[in-house]
Amino acid sequence: MNERDVLLNELAQGLRLMSEGIEWFDGLGQEDQSEVLLFLRHHCVQARAVAEDSPESIRRAGLRPTHTPAVLISRGRIDEQLGKIAGLAPLDERRKAFKLLVAVLSIADARRRERFCSNGCSHWWHRLSVV
């Protein structure tokens, strides 16, 4: 666990404002932003994101359905599409990708917590609200 991991999980759990996350993300260099997007993509897959999470994720991220990350997540296998979203290069697309991937993680991890961790678990990120 490091500061980045805690911050991203706090964003996904609604323990931090997205505006704080965007400010932090914008302050990173392009290489670090790419690492963050890949980290989020990995954790979305680990949290078992499904295609049905797409519409709510787009809504929570505040994206229009025509924004590139929204179009991508709505087409094809979710794990492949998340990888494409994480690989977007222009700054404005990376910012949208960041918001969308945090939203996907939020939805998928909440479902995982409800289904598999409701009676307790060893996931440190599920204990952030009590830390």
N, C-alpha and C. Protein backbone atom coordinates (compact mmCIF):
# COMPACT_ATOMS: atom_id res chain seq x y z
N MET A 1 0.85 -1.17 0.00
CA MET A 1 0.00 0.00 0.00
C MET A 1 0.89 1.23 0.00
N ASN A 2 0.57 2.16 -0.90
CA ASN A 2 1.29 3.43 -0.92
C ASN A 2 0.27 4.57 -1.02
N GLU A 3 0.77 5.79 -0.99
CA GLU A 3 -0.10 6.96 -0.98
C GLU A 3 -1.02 7.00 -2.20
N ARG A 4 -0.48 6.64 -3.36
CA ARG A 4 -1.29 6.63 -4.59
C ARG A 4 -2.44 5.63 -4.47
N ASP A 5 -2.13 4.43 -3.99
CA ASP A 5 -3.15 3.39 -3.86
C ASP A 5 -4.27 3.83 -2.91
N VAL A 6 -3.88 4.44 -1.81
CA VAL A 6 -4.87 4.91 -0.83
C VAL A 6 -5.74 5.98 -1.47
N LEU A 7 -5.12 6.97 -2.12
CA LEU A 7 -5.87 8.06 -2.74
C LEU A 7 -6.86 7.53 -3.76
N LEU A 8 -6.44 6.64 -4.63
CA LEU A 8 -7.32 6.12 -5.67
C LEU A 8 -8.48 5.33 -5.08
N ASN A 9 -8.21 4.57 -4.05
CA ASN A 9 -9.29 3.82 -3.41
C ASN A 9 -10.23 4.75 -2.63
N GLU A 10 -9.69 5.81 -2.05
CA GLU A 10 -10.55 6.79 -1.38
C GLU A 10 -11.47 7.48 -2.40
N LEU A 11 -10.94 7.78 -3.57
CA LEU A 11 -11.77 8.36 -4.63
C LEU A 11 -12.88 7.39 -5.04
N ALA A 12 -12.51 6.14 -5.25
CA ALA A 12 -13.47 5.13 -5.69
C ALA A 12 -14.56 4.89 -4.64
N GLN A 13 -14.21 5.06 -3.38
CA GLN A 13 -15.18 4.83 -2.31
C GLN A 13 -15.93 6.10 -1.90
N GLY A 14 -15.64 7.20 -2.57
CA GLY A 14 -16.32 8.45 -2.25
C GLY A 14 -15.83 9.09 -0.97
N LEU A 15 -14.65 8.69 -0.50
CA LEU A 15 -14.08 9.26 0.71
C LEU A 15 -13.29 10.54 0.42
N ARG A 16 -13.05 10.80 -0.86
CA ARG A 16 -12.40 12.03 -1.33
C ARG A 16 -13.21 12.57 -2.49
N LEU A 17 -13.17 13.87 -2.66
CA LEU A 17 -13.86 14.50 -3.78
C LEU A 17 -13.10 14.25 -5.08
N MET A 18 -13.84 14.06 -6.16
CA MET A 18 -13.19 13.86 -7.46
C MET A 18 -12.36 15.07 -7.84
N SER A 19 -12.78 16.26 -7.42
CA SER A 19 -12.00 17.47 -7.74
C SER A 19 -10.59 17.36 -7.17
N GLU A 20 -10.44 16.76 -5.99
CA GLU A 20 -9.11 16.53 -5.42
C GLU A 20 -8.32 15.55 -6.27
N GLY A 21 -9.01 14.51 -6.73
CA GLY A 21 -8.36 13.52 -7.57
C GLY A 21 -7.90 14.09 -8.89
N ILE A 22 -8.73 14.91 -9.50
CA ILE A 22 -8.37 15.54 -10.78
C ILE A 22 -7.17 16.46 -10.59
N GLU A 23 -7.18 17.24 -9.52
CA GLU A 23 -6.06 18.14 -9.25
C GLU A 23 -4.76 17.34 -9.08
N TRP A 24 -4.83 16.24 -8.34
CA TRP A 24 -3.67 15.38 -8.13
C TRP A 24 -3.22 14.78 -9.47
N PHE A 25 -4.17 14.24 -10.25
CA PHE A 25 -3.87 13.60 -11.53
C PHE A 25 -3.25 14.60 -12.50
N ASP A 26 -3.81 15.80 -12.57
CA ASP A 26 -3.28 16.83 -13.47
C ASP A 26 -1.86 17.24 -13.10
N GLY A 27 -1.50 17.10 -11.83
CA GLY A 27 -0.16 17.46 -11.38
C GLY A 27 0.91 16.43 -11.70
N LEU A 28 0.49 15.28 -12.19
CA LEU A 28 1.43 14.21 -12.54
C LEU A 28 1.96 14.42 -13.96
N GLY A 29 3.15 13.90 -14.22
CA GLY A 29 3.68 13.89 -15.58
C GLY A 29 2.93 12.85 -16.41
N GLN A 30 3.12 12.91 -17.72
CA GLN A 30 2.41 12.00 -18.62
C GLN A 30 2.69 10.53 -18.30
N GLU A 31 3.94 10.20 -18.01
CA GLU A 31 4.29 8.81 -17.70
C GLU A 31 3.59 8.34 -16.42
N ASP A 32 3.58 9.19 -15.41
CA ASP A 32 2.91 8.83 -14.15
C ASP A 32 1.40 8.73 -14.36
N GLN A 33 0.83 9.61 -15.18
CA GLN A 33 -0.59 9.52 -15.47
C GLN A 33 -0.91 8.19 -16.15
N SER A 34 -0.06 7.79 -17.07
CA SER A 34 -0.27 6.51 -17.75
C SER A 34 -0.21 5.35 -16.77
N GLU A 35 0.73 5.41 -15.83
CA GLU A 35 0.82 4.37 -14.79
C GLU A 35 -0.44 4.31 -13.95
N VAL A 36 -0.97 5.47 -13.59
CA VAL A 36 -2.19 5.53 -12.79
C VAL A 36 -3.36 4.92 -13.56
N LEU A 37 -3.48 5.26 -14.83
CA LEU A 37 -4.57 4.71 -15.63
C LEU A 37 -4.45 3.19 -15.76
N LEU A 38 -3.24 2.69 -15.94
CA LEU A 38 -3.04 1.24 -16.01
C LEU A 38 -3.35 0.57 -14.67
N PHE A 39 -2.97 1.22 -13.58
CA PHE A 39 -3.27 0.72 -12.24
C PHE A 39 -4.79 0.62 -12.07
N LEU A 40 -5.50 1.68 -12.43
CA LEU A 40 -6.96 1.67 -12.31
C LEU A 40 -7.58 0.59 -13.19
N ARG A 41 -7.10 0.47 -14.41
CA ARG A 41 -7.61 -0.57 -15.31
C ARG A 41 -7.44 -1.95 -14.69
N HIS A 42 -6.27 -2.21 -14.14
CA HIS A 42 -5.99 -3.50 -13.51
C HIS A 42 -6.96 -3.76 -12.36
N HIS A 43 -7.17 -2.76 -11.53
CA HIS A 43 -8.04 -2.94 -10.37
C HIS A 43 -9.51 -3.03 -10.76
N CYS A 44 -9.91 -2.41 -11.85
CA CYS A 44 -11.27 -2.59 -12.35
C CYS A 44 -11.49 -4.04 -12.77
N VAL A 45 -10.51 -4.61 -13.46
CA VAL A 45 -10.60 -6.00 -13.87
C VAL A 45 -10.60 -6.91 -12.64
N GLN A 46 -9.72 -6.64 -11.68
CA GLN A 46 -9.66 -7.44 -10.46
C GLN A 46 -10.97 -7.37 -9.67
N ALA A 47 -11.64 -6.23 -9.72
CA ALA A 47 -12.91 -6.05 -9.02
C ALA A 47 -14.08 -6.65 -9.80
N ARG A 48 -13.77 -7.24 -10.94
CA ARG A 48 -14.75 -7.92 -11.79
C ARG A 48 -15.76 -6.96 -12.42
N ALA A 49 -15.25 -5.88 -13.00
CA ALA A 49 -16.12 -4.97 -13.74
C ALA A 49 -16.79 -5.73 -14.88
N VAL A 50 -18.03 -5.39 -15.15
CA VAL A 50 -18.79 -6.03 -16.22
C VAL A 50 -19.33 -4.95 -17.15
N ALA A 51 -19.69 -5.35 -18.36
CA ALA A 51 -20.18 -4.41 -19.36
C ALA A 51 -21.40 -3.63 -18.86
N GLU A 52 -22.21 -4.25 -18.02
CA GLU A 52 -23.41 -3.59 -17.50
C GLU A 52 -23.07 -2.42 -16.59
N ASP A 53 -21.81 -2.31 -16.16
CA ASP A 53 -21.38 -1.18 -15.33
C ASP A 53 -21.17 0.09 -16.15
N SER A 54 -21.10 -0.05 -17.46
CA SER A 54 -20.75 1.07 -18.34
C SER A 54 -21.67 2.28 -18.23
N PRO A 55 -22.98 2.12 -18.40
CA PRO A 55 -23.83 3.33 -18.37
C PRO A 55 -23.74 4.10 -17.06
N GLU A 56 -23.77 3.40 -15.93
CA GLU A 56 -23.69 4.09 -14.64
C GLU A 56 -22.31 4.71 -14.44
N SER A 57 -21.27 4.06 -14.92
CA SER A 57 -19.92 4.62 -14.82
C SER A 57 -19.80 5.91 -15.62
N ILE A 58 -20.37 5.91 -16.81
CA ILE A 58 -20.34 7.11 -17.66
C ILE A 58 -21.09 8.24 -16.96
N ARG A 59 -22.25 7.92 -16.39
CA ARG A 59 -23.04 8.92 -15.68
C ARG A 59 -22.27 9.48 -14.49
N ARG A 60 -21.70 8.59 -13.66
CA ARG A 60 -20.97 9.04 -12.47
C ARG A 60 -19.74 9.86 -12.82
N ALA A 61 -19.11 9.53 -13.93
CA ALA A 61 -17.91 10.26 -14.35
C ALA A 61 -18.27 11.62 -14.95
N GLY A 62 -19.54 11.84 -15.22
CA GLY A 62 -19.96 13.12 -15.80
C GLY A 62 -19.59 13.27 -17.26
N LEU A 63 -19.48 12.15 -17.95
CA LEU A 63 -19.11 12.18 -19.37
C LEU A 63 -20.34 12.13 -20.25
N ARG A 64 -20.22 12.71 -21.42
CA ARG A 64 -21.26 12.56 -22.43
C ARG A 64 -21.02 11.21 -23.13
N PRO A 65 -22.07 10.59 -23.61
CA PRO A 65 -21.91 9.31 -24.31
C PRO A 65 -21.01 9.38 -25.54
N THR A 66 -20.78 10.60 -26.05
CA THR A 66 -19.95 10.77 -27.24
C THR A 66 -18.47 10.98 -26.92
N HIS A 67 -18.13 11.15 -25.65
CA HIS A 67 -16.71 11.28 -25.29
C HIS A 67 -16.01 9.96 -25.57
N THR A 68 -14.79 10.04 -26.02
CA THR A 68 -14.05 8.84 -26.44
C THR A 68 -14.04 7.73 -25.39
N PRO A 69 -13.71 7.99 -24.12
CA PRO A 69 -13.73 6.90 -23.15
C PRO A 69 -15.11 6.27 -23.00
N ALA A 70 -16.17 7.08 -23.09
CA ALA A 70 -17.53 6.56 -22.97
C ALA A 70 -17.88 5.68 -24.16
N VAL A 71 -17.46 6.10 -25.34
CA VAL A 71 -17.71 5.29 -26.55
C VAL A 71 -16.96 3.96 -26.42
N LEU A 72 -15.72 4.02 -26.00
CA LEU A 72 -14.92 2.80 -25.88
C LEU A 72 -15.51 1.80 -24.90
N ILE A 73 -15.89 2.28 -23.72
CA ILE A 73 -16.38 1.35 -22.70
C ILE A 73 -17.70 0.71 -23.09
N SER A 74 -18.40 1.34 -24.01
CA SER A 74 -19.71 0.84 -24.42
C SER A 74 -19.63 -0.21 -25.53
N ARG A 75 -18.42 -0.50 -26.00
CA ARG A 75 -18.26 -1.43 -27.13
C ARG A 75 -17.25 -2.51 -26.82
N GLY A 76 -17.61 -3.75 -27.10
CA GLY A 76 -16.66 -4.85 -26.97
C GLY A 76 -16.48 -5.35 -25.56
N ARG A 77 -15.52 -6.25 -25.42
CA ARG A 77 -15.22 -6.85 -24.10
C ARG A 77 -14.69 -5.80 -23.15
N ILE A 78 -15.22 -5.78 -21.95
CA ILE A 78 -14.89 -4.71 -21.00
C ILE A 78 -13.41 -4.69 -20.67
N ASP A 79 -12.78 -5.84 -20.47
CA ASP A 79 -11.36 -5.84 -20.11
C ASP A 79 -10.51 -5.24 -21.22
N GLU A 80 -10.84 -5.54 -22.47
CA GLU A 80 -10.11 -4.97 -23.60
C GLU A 80 -10.36 -3.47 -23.70
N GLN A 81 -11.61 -3.07 -23.52
CA GLN A 81 -11.97 -1.66 -23.64
C GLN A 81 -11.33 -0.83 -22.52
N LEU A 82 -11.25 -1.38 -21.32
CA LEU A 82 -10.59 -0.68 -20.22
C LEU A 82 -9.12 -0.44 -20.55
N GLY A 83 -8.49 -1.40 -21.21
CA GLY A 83 -7.10 -1.23 -21.63
C GLY A 83 -6.95 -0.12 -22.65
N LYS A 84 -7.89 -0.03 -23.59
CA LYS A 84 -7.86 1.04 -24.59
C LYS A 84 -8.06 2.40 -23.92
N ILE A 85 -8.96 2.44 -22.96
CA ILE A 85 -9.22 3.70 -22.24
C ILE A 85 -7.97 4.12 -21.48
N ALA A 86 -7.32 3.18 -20.82
CA ALA A 86 -6.10 3.48 -20.06
C ALA A 86 -4.98 3.95 -20.97
N GLY A 87 -5.02 3.60 -22.24
CA GLY A 87 -3.97 3.97 -23.18
C GLY A 87 -4.21 5.27 -23.93
N LEU A 88 -5.29 5.96 -23.64
CA LEU A 88 -5.55 7.23 -24.34
C LEU A 88 -4.45 8.23 -24.03
N ALA A 89 -4.00 8.96 -25.07
CA ALA A 89 -2.84 9.83 -24.91
C ALA A 89 -3.12 11.32 -24.70
N PRO A 90 -4.05 11.92 -25.42
CA PRO A 90 -4.23 13.37 -25.22
C PRO A 90 -4.65 13.69 -23.79
N LEU A 91 -4.16 14.81 -23.25
CA LEU A 91 -4.41 15.17 -21.86
C LEU A 91 -5.89 15.20 -21.53
N ASP A 92 -6.72 15.83 -22.35
CA ASP A 92 -8.15 15.91 -22.02
C ASP A 92 -8.79 14.53 -22.04
N GLU A 93 -8.32 13.63 -22.88
CA GLU A 93 -8.84 12.26 -22.90
C GLU A 93 -8.35 11.47 -21.68
N ARG A 94 -7.11 11.71 -21.26
CA ARG A 94 -6.59 11.03 -20.05
C ARG A 94 -7.39 11.45 -18.83
N ARG A 95 -7.73 12.73 -18.75
CA ARG A 95 -8.52 13.22 -17.60
C ARG A 95 -9.89 12.54 -17.60
N LYS A 96 -10.53 12.44 -18.76
CA LYS A 96 -11.83 11.76 -18.85
C LYS A 96 -11.68 10.28 -18.52
N ALA A 97 -10.59 9.67 -19.01
CA ALA A 97 -10.33 8.26 -18.73
C ALA A 97 -10.17 8.04 -17.23
N PHE A 98 -9.46 8.95 -16.57
CA PHE A 98 -9.25 8.86 -15.12
C PHE A 98 -10.60 8.87 -14.40
N LYS A 99 -11.44 9.81 -14.73
CA LYS A 99 -12.75 9.91 -14.08
C LYS A 99 -13.59 8.66 -14.33
N LEU A 100 -13.55 8.16 -15.56
CA LEU A 100 -14.33 6.98 -15.91
C LEU A 100 -13.81 5.73 -15.19
N LEU A 101 -12.50 5.55 -15.18
CA LEU A 101 -11.95 4.36 -14.53
C LEU A 101 -12.18 4.38 -13.02
N VAL A 102 -12.13 5.54 -12.41
CA VAL A 102 -12.46 5.63 -10.97
C VAL A 102 -13.92 5.24 -10.76
N ALA A 103 -14.81 5.69 -11.64
CA ALA A 103 -16.23 5.35 -11.53
C ALA A 103 -16.45 3.85 -11.71
N VAL A 104 -15.78 3.25 -12.69
CA VAL A 104 -15.91 1.80 -12.90
C VAL A 104 -15.43 1.05 -11.66
N LEU A 105 -14.28 1.46 -11.13
CA LEU A 105 -13.75 0.81 -9.93
C LEU A 105 -14.73 0.96 -8.78
N SER A 106 -15.31 2.12 -8.63
CA SER A 106 -16.28 2.36 -7.57
C SER A 106 -17.44 1.38 -7.64
N ILE A 107 -18.00 1.22 -8.80
CA ILE A 107 -19.16 0.35 -8.99
C ILE A 107 -18.78 -1.12 -8.80
N ALA A 108 -17.71 -1.54 -9.46
CA ALA A 108 -17.31 -2.95 -9.41
C ALA A 108 -16.86 -3.35 -8.01
N ASP A 109 -16.11 -2.48 -7.34
CA ASP A 109 -15.63 -2.83 -6.01
C ASP A 109 -16.75 -2.81 -4.98
N ALA A 110 -17.72 -1.92 -5.13
CA ALA A 110 -18.88 -1.91 -4.22
C ALA A 110 -19.65 -3.23 -4.36
N ARG A 111 -19.80 -3.70 -5.57
CA ARG A 111 -20.48 -4.98 -5.79
C ARG A 111 -19.68 -6.12 -5.18
N ARG A 112 -18.36 -6.10 -5.39
CA ARG A 112 -17.50 -7.15 -4.82
C ARG A 112 -17.58 -7.13 -3.30
N ARG A 113 -17.55 -5.94 -2.73
CA ARG A 113 -17.62 -5.81 -1.27
C ARG A 113 -18.94 -6.40 -0.74
N GLU A 114 -20.03 -6.09 -1.44
CA GLU A 114 -21.35 -6.57 -1.01
C GLU A 114 -21.45 -8.09 -1.14
N ARG A 115 -20.95 -8.63 -2.23
CA ARG A 115 -21.10 -10.07 -2.50
C ARG A 115 -20.11 -10.94 -1.73
N PHE A 116 -18.86 -10.48 -1.66
CA PHE A 116 -17.83 -11.36 -1.15
C PHE A 116 -17.19 -10.91 0.16
N CYS A 117 -17.39 -9.66 0.54
CA CYS A 117 -16.68 -9.13 1.69
C CYS A 117 -17.61 -8.59 2.78
N SER A 118 -18.90 -8.85 2.66
CA SER A 118 -19.85 -8.27 3.61
C SER A 118 -19.66 -8.78 5.03
N ASN A 119 -19.10 -9.96 5.17
CA ASN A 119 -18.85 -10.51 6.50
C ASN A 119 -17.40 -10.32 6.94
N GLY A 120 -16.72 -9.39 6.29
CA GLY A 120 -15.32 -9.13 6.61
C GLY A 120 -14.40 -9.72 5.55
N CYS A 121 -13.24 -9.10 5.42
CA CYS A 121 -12.25 -9.56 4.45
C CYS A 121 -10.89 -9.03 4.85
N SER A 122 -9.89 -9.41 4.10
CA SER A 122 -8.53 -8.95 4.41
C SER A 122 -8.07 -7.84 3.46
N HIS A 123 -8.98 -7.30 2.65
CA HIS A 123 -8.62 -6.21 1.73
C HIS A 123 -8.42 -4.92 2.52
N TRP A 124 -7.21 -4.39 2.54
CA TRP A 124 -6.93 -3.17 3.30
C TRP A 124 -7.77 -1.99 2.83
N TRP A 125 -8.07 -1.95 1.52
CA TRP A 125 -8.82 -0.82 0.97
C TRP A 125 -10.28 -0.84 1.39
N HIS A 126 -10.76 -1.97 1.89
CA HIS A 126 -12.14 -2.02 2.38
C HIS A 126 -12.24 -1.54 3.83
N ARG A 127 -11.11 -1.19 4.40
CA ARG A 127 -11.10 -0.67 5.77
C ARG A 127 -10.69 0.79 5.83
N LEU A 128 -10.66 1.48 4.71
CA LEU A 128 -10.20 2.88 4.68
C LEU A 128 -11.11 3.80 5.50
N SER A 129 -12.40 3.55 5.48
CA SER A 129 -13.33 4.44 6.18
C SER A 129 -13.16 4.37 7.69
N VAL A 130 -12.53 3.32 8.20
CA VAL A 130 -12.33 3.18 9.64
C VAL A 130 -10.89 3.51 10.04
N VAL A 131 -10.06 3.83 9.07
CA VAL A 131 -8.66 4.15 9.38
C VAL A 131 -8.54 5.58 9.85
